[in-house]
Structures are given as structure tokens and as C-alpha cells.
Amino acid sequence: MTVRQDPQGSATTVRATVVAGLRTAGRRVHDAAAAVRWYVRQVMGDDAYPTYVAHQRAAHPGCDVVSEREFWRARHAEQDANPGSRCC
């Protein structure tokens, strides 16, 4: 990489521009990875229990929230009883 000096005689502006570009690219890669992670977690159901708890606390504040173990048992029993369209 050839670094040329700008009219004021400083090569630091080129370096700053390159660093800013790398930071922007890094941010975009990070955001894309976060979006893929979110999507995979939603498809696999990894966020089902925290989503259930947040809904219960927001929509039904006086009701008890079942344990995570009970939640998954009920969810799997429901899926076994009513398979619908799913891959497995």
C-alpha cells in the first residue's frame, strides 16, 4: 500500500480513513452475525422460554410462571399431540 501525503503534508488522514473503513466493515460483520444468530435461535426455539416469561410478566402480572422444565414438557407434549407442519 502506497501512502501519499495530503496537501497539508500529513499521511495520518489516509490511515484514519482506512481505520474508519475497517471499523465500519467490522460493525457490519458483527451486525450480520448477530442477525444470523437471532434467526437460528428463533427457528430452533432457543428463546421460547424467555419469550414466554416476558409475555407472562407483561400480560399476566398476577399469574405464576411455570418452571423452565415444566414449560418444555408442556411444549413437547403439545407438539406431540398436534404435530402440524414441521420437519421432525
N, C-alpha and C. Protein backbone atom coordinates (compact mmCIF):
# COMPACT_ATOMS: atom_id res chain seq x y z
N MET A 1 0.85 -1.17 0.00
CA MET A 1 0.00 0.00 0.00
C MET A 1 0.89 1.23 0.00
N THR A 2 0.66 2.08 -0.94
CA THR A 2 1.42 3.32 -1.02
C THR A 2 0.65 4.41 -0.31
N VAL A 3 1.32 5.08 0.60
CA VAL A 3 0.69 6.17 1.34
C VAL A 3 1.20 7.47 0.78
N ARG A 4 0.28 8.29 0.29
CA ARG A 4 0.66 9.60 -0.21
C ARG A 4 0.26 10.65 0.80
N GLN A 5 1.00 11.66 0.87
CA GLN A 5 0.67 12.73 1.78
C GLN A 5 -0.40 13.62 1.18
N ASP A 6 -1.29 14.12 2.04
CA ASP A 6 -2.32 15.03 1.58
C ASP A 6 -1.72 16.43 1.41
N PRO A 7 -2.47 17.39 0.89
CA PRO A 7 -1.92 18.73 0.64
C PRO A 7 -1.31 19.40 1.88
N GLN A 8 -1.80 19.07 3.07
CA GLN A 8 -1.21 19.67 4.27
C GLN A 8 0.08 18.96 4.68
N GLY A 9 0.41 17.88 4.04
CA GLY A 9 1.66 17.19 4.34
C GLY A 9 1.50 16.10 5.38
N SER A 10 0.31 15.55 5.60
CA SER A 10 0.08 14.55 6.63
C SER A 10 -0.43 13.25 6.01
N ALA A 11 0.19 12.15 6.39
CA ALA A 11 -0.25 10.84 5.92
C ALA A 11 -1.25 10.23 6.89
N THR A 12 -1.49 10.90 8.00
CA THR A 12 -2.40 10.34 9.01
C THR A 12 -3.85 10.33 8.56
N THR A 13 -4.24 11.22 7.66
CA THR A 13 -5.62 11.23 7.20
C THR A 13 -5.95 9.98 6.41
N VAL A 14 -4.99 9.47 5.64
CA VAL A 14 -5.20 8.23 4.90
C VAL A 14 -5.37 7.08 5.87
N ARG A 15 -4.50 7.04 6.86
CA ARG A 15 -4.56 5.97 7.87
C ARG A 15 -5.89 6.04 8.63
N ALA A 16 -6.33 7.23 9.00
CA ALA A 16 -7.59 7.40 9.72
C ALA A 16 -8.76 6.94 8.87
N THR A 17 -8.69 7.22 7.59
CA THR A 17 -9.76 6.80 6.68
C THR A 17 -9.81 5.28 6.58
N VAL A 18 -8.66 4.65 6.49
CA VAL A 18 -8.59 3.19 6.41
C VAL A 18 -9.11 2.58 7.71
N VAL A 19 -8.71 3.11 8.84
CA VAL A 19 -9.15 2.59 10.14
C VAL A 19 -10.66 2.75 10.28
N ALA A 20 -11.19 3.90 9.88
CA ALA A 20 -12.63 4.12 9.96
C ALA A 20 -13.37 3.13 9.06
N GLY A 21 -12.84 2.86 7.89
CA GLY A 21 -13.45 1.89 6.98
C GLY A 21 -13.45 0.49 7.56
N LEU A 22 -12.35 0.11 8.19
CA LEU A 22 -12.27 -1.21 8.82
C LEU A 22 -13.25 -1.33 9.99
N ARG A 23 -13.38 -0.27 10.76
CA ARG A 23 -14.35 -0.30 11.86
C ARG A 23 -15.77 -0.45 11.34
N THR A 24 -16.08 0.27 10.27
CA THR A 24 -17.41 0.16 9.69
C THR A 24 -17.65 -1.25 9.17
N ALA A 25 -16.67 -1.81 8.49
CA ALA A 25 -16.80 -3.18 7.97
C ALA A 25 -16.95 -4.17 9.12
N GLY A 26 -16.18 -4.00 10.17
CA GLY A 26 -16.28 -4.87 11.35
C GLY A 26 -17.64 -4.80 12.00
N ARG A 27 -18.18 -3.58 12.08
CA ARG A 27 -19.51 -3.40 12.65
C ARG A 27 -20.57 -4.11 11.81
N ARG A 28 -20.43 -4.02 10.49
CA ARG A 28 -21.39 -4.68 9.59
C ARG A 28 -21.32 -6.20 9.72
N VAL A 29 -20.11 -6.74 9.83
CA VAL A 29 -19.94 -8.19 10.00
C VAL A 29 -20.56 -8.61 11.33
N HIS A 30 -20.30 -7.84 12.38
CA HIS A 30 -20.87 -8.15 13.69
C HIS A 30 -22.39 -8.11 13.66
N ASP A 31 -22.97 -7.10 13.04
CA ASP A 31 -24.42 -6.98 12.95
C ASP A 31 -25.03 -8.13 12.15
N ALA A 32 -24.35 -8.53 11.07
CA ALA A 32 -24.85 -9.64 10.26
C ALA A 32 -24.79 -10.94 11.06
N ALA A 33 -23.70 -11.17 11.79
CA ALA A 33 -23.59 -12.37 12.61
C ALA A 33 -24.65 -12.39 13.70
N ALA A 34 -24.93 -11.24 14.29
CA ALA A 34 -25.96 -11.16 15.33
C ALA A 34 -27.34 -11.47 14.74
N ALA A 35 -27.60 -11.01 13.52
CA ALA A 35 -28.88 -11.29 12.88
C ALA A 35 -29.03 -12.78 12.57
N VAL A 36 -27.97 -13.40 12.10
CA VAL A 36 -28.00 -14.84 11.81
C VAL A 36 -28.21 -15.62 13.11
N ARG A 37 -27.52 -15.23 14.17
CA ARG A 37 -27.67 -15.89 15.47
C ARG A 37 -29.11 -15.78 15.97
N TRP A 38 -29.70 -14.58 15.87
CA TRP A 38 -31.08 -14.38 16.29
C TRP A 38 -32.01 -15.29 15.50
N TYR A 39 -31.83 -15.35 14.19
CA TYR A 39 -32.69 -16.16 13.33
C TYR A 39 -32.61 -17.64 13.69
N VAL A 40 -31.40 -18.14 13.86
CA VAL A 40 -31.22 -19.55 14.18
C VAL A 40 -31.84 -19.87 15.53
N ARG A 41 -31.65 -18.99 16.51
CA ARG A 41 -32.25 -19.21 17.83
C ARG A 41 -33.78 -19.22 17.76
N GLN A 42 -34.36 -18.37 16.92
CA GLN A 42 -35.81 -18.34 16.78
C GLN A 42 -36.31 -19.62 16.11
N VAL A 43 -35.64 -20.06 15.06
CA VAL A 43 -36.05 -21.27 14.35
C VAL A 43 -35.92 -22.50 15.24
N MET A 44 -34.84 -22.57 16.02
CA MET A 44 -34.61 -23.73 16.88
C MET A 44 -35.44 -23.67 18.17
N GLY A 45 -36.00 -22.52 18.50
CA GLY A 45 -36.82 -22.40 19.70
C GLY A 45 -36.03 -22.13 20.96
N ASP A 46 -34.78 -21.73 20.82
CA ASP A 46 -33.93 -21.48 21.99
C ASP A 46 -34.46 -20.34 22.87
N ASP A 47 -35.15 -19.39 22.28
CA ASP A 47 -35.65 -18.25 23.03
C ASP A 47 -37.11 -18.42 23.47
N ALA A 48 -37.66 -19.62 23.36
CA ALA A 48 -39.07 -19.82 23.65
C ALA A 48 -39.39 -19.55 25.12
N TYR A 49 -38.59 -20.09 26.03
CA TYR A 49 -38.90 -19.90 27.45
C TYR A 49 -38.73 -18.45 27.89
N PRO A 50 -37.62 -17.77 27.57
CA PRO A 50 -37.52 -16.35 27.95
C PRO A 50 -38.63 -15.50 27.33
N THR A 51 -39.05 -15.83 26.12
CA THR A 51 -40.14 -15.10 25.48
C THR A 51 -41.44 -15.35 26.24
N TYR A 52 -41.66 -16.59 26.65
CA TYR A 52 -42.85 -16.94 27.43
C TYR A 52 -42.86 -16.18 28.76
N VAL A 53 -41.73 -16.17 29.45
CA VAL A 53 -41.65 -15.49 30.75
C VAL A 53 -41.91 -13.99 30.58
N ALA A 54 -41.32 -13.38 29.57
CA ALA A 54 -41.54 -11.95 29.34
C ALA A 54 -43.01 -11.67 29.04
N HIS A 55 -43.65 -12.53 28.25
CA HIS A 55 -45.06 -12.35 27.95
C HIS A 55 -45.92 -12.51 29.20
N GLN A 56 -45.64 -13.55 29.99
CA GLN A 56 -46.43 -13.78 31.20
C GLN A 56 -46.33 -12.59 32.15
N ARG A 57 -45.14 -12.08 32.32
CA ARG A 57 -44.95 -10.96 33.26
C ARG A 57 -45.59 -9.68 32.75
N ALA A 58 -45.60 -9.49 31.44
CA ALA A 58 -46.18 -8.27 30.87
C ALA A 58 -47.71 -8.35 30.76
N ALA A 59 -48.21 -9.48 30.28
CA ALA A 59 -49.64 -9.61 30.02
C ALA A 59 -50.43 -10.14 31.20
N HIS A 60 -49.80 -10.93 32.05
CA HIS A 60 -50.48 -11.56 33.19
C HIS A 60 -49.64 -11.40 34.45
N PRO A 61 -49.50 -10.18 34.96
CA PRO A 61 -48.58 -9.94 36.08
C PRO A 61 -48.91 -10.69 37.36
N GLY A 62 -50.17 -11.05 37.61
CA GLY A 62 -50.53 -11.72 38.85
C GLY A 62 -50.37 -13.23 38.80
N CYS A 63 -50.21 -13.79 37.62
CA CYS A 63 -50.14 -15.25 37.46
C CYS A 63 -48.73 -15.77 37.74
N ASP A 64 -48.68 -17.02 38.15
CA ASP A 64 -47.39 -17.67 38.36
C ASP A 64 -46.79 -18.08 37.02
N VAL A 65 -45.47 -18.07 36.96
CA VAL A 65 -44.75 -18.51 35.77
C VAL A 65 -44.24 -19.92 36.04
N VAL A 66 -44.54 -20.85 35.14
CA VAL A 66 -44.09 -22.23 35.33
C VAL A 66 -42.58 -22.30 35.18
N SER A 67 -42.00 -23.34 35.75
CA SER A 67 -40.55 -23.51 35.65
C SER A 67 -40.18 -23.84 34.21
N GLU A 68 -38.91 -23.69 33.91
CA GLU A 68 -38.46 -23.97 32.55
C GLU A 68 -38.69 -25.43 32.19
N ARG A 69 -38.47 -26.32 33.15
CA ARG A 69 -38.66 -27.75 32.91
C ARG A 69 -40.13 -28.06 32.58
N GLU A 70 -41.05 -27.49 33.36
CA GLU A 70 -42.47 -27.70 33.10
C GLU A 70 -42.88 -27.09 31.75
N PHE A 71 -42.30 -25.93 31.43
CA PHE A 71 -42.60 -25.29 30.15
C PHE A 71 -42.23 -26.20 28.99
N TRP A 72 -41.02 -26.75 29.01
CA TRP A 72 -40.57 -27.60 27.91
C TRP A 72 -41.37 -28.90 27.83
N ARG A 73 -41.73 -29.46 28.99
CA ARG A 73 -42.56 -30.67 28.97
C ARG A 73 -43.90 -30.39 28.31
N ALA A 74 -44.54 -29.28 28.69
CA ALA A 74 -45.83 -28.92 28.10
C ALA A 74 -45.70 -28.62 26.61
N ARG A 75 -44.63 -27.94 26.24
CA ARG A 75 -44.43 -27.60 24.83
C ARG A 75 -44.25 -28.85 23.97
N HIS A 76 -43.42 -29.79 24.46
CA HIS A 76 -43.19 -31.03 23.70
C HIS A 76 -44.45 -31.89 23.67
N ALA A 77 -45.19 -31.92 24.76
CA ALA A 77 -46.45 -32.68 24.78
C ALA A 77 -47.44 -32.10 23.78
N GLU A 78 -47.51 -30.78 23.70
CA GLU A 78 -48.40 -30.11 22.75
C GLU A 78 -47.97 -30.42 21.30
N GLN A 79 -46.68 -30.40 21.04
CA GLN A 79 -46.20 -30.69 19.69
C GLN A 79 -46.44 -32.15 19.31
N ASP A 80 -46.34 -33.05 20.30
CA ASP A 80 -46.60 -34.46 20.01
C ASP A 80 -48.09 -34.70 19.76
N ALA A 81 -48.94 -34.01 20.51
CA ALA A 81 -50.38 -34.17 20.35
C ALA A 81 -50.89 -33.54 19.06
N ASN A 82 -50.31 -32.42 18.67
CA ASN A 82 -50.74 -31.69 17.46
C ASN A 82 -49.51 -31.39 16.61
N PRO A 83 -49.05 -32.37 15.81
CA PRO A 83 -47.79 -32.17 15.10
C PRO A 83 -47.78 -31.04 14.08
N GLY A 84 -48.89 -30.79 13.40
CA GLY A 84 -48.90 -29.70 12.41
C GLY A 84 -47.84 -29.91 11.35
N SER A 85 -47.38 -28.84 10.77
CA SER A 85 -46.35 -28.95 9.74
C SER A 85 -45.00 -28.56 10.34
N ARG A 86 -44.15 -29.50 10.48
CA ARG A 86 -42.79 -29.27 10.97
C ARG A 86 -41.87 -30.31 10.38
N CYS A 87 -40.61 -30.11 10.50
CA CYS A 87 -39.67 -31.01 9.84
C CYS A 87 -39.49 -32.33 10.58
N CYS A 88 -39.61 -32.33 11.91
CA CYS A 88 -39.31 -33.55 12.68
C CYS A 88 -40.45 -33.94 13.59
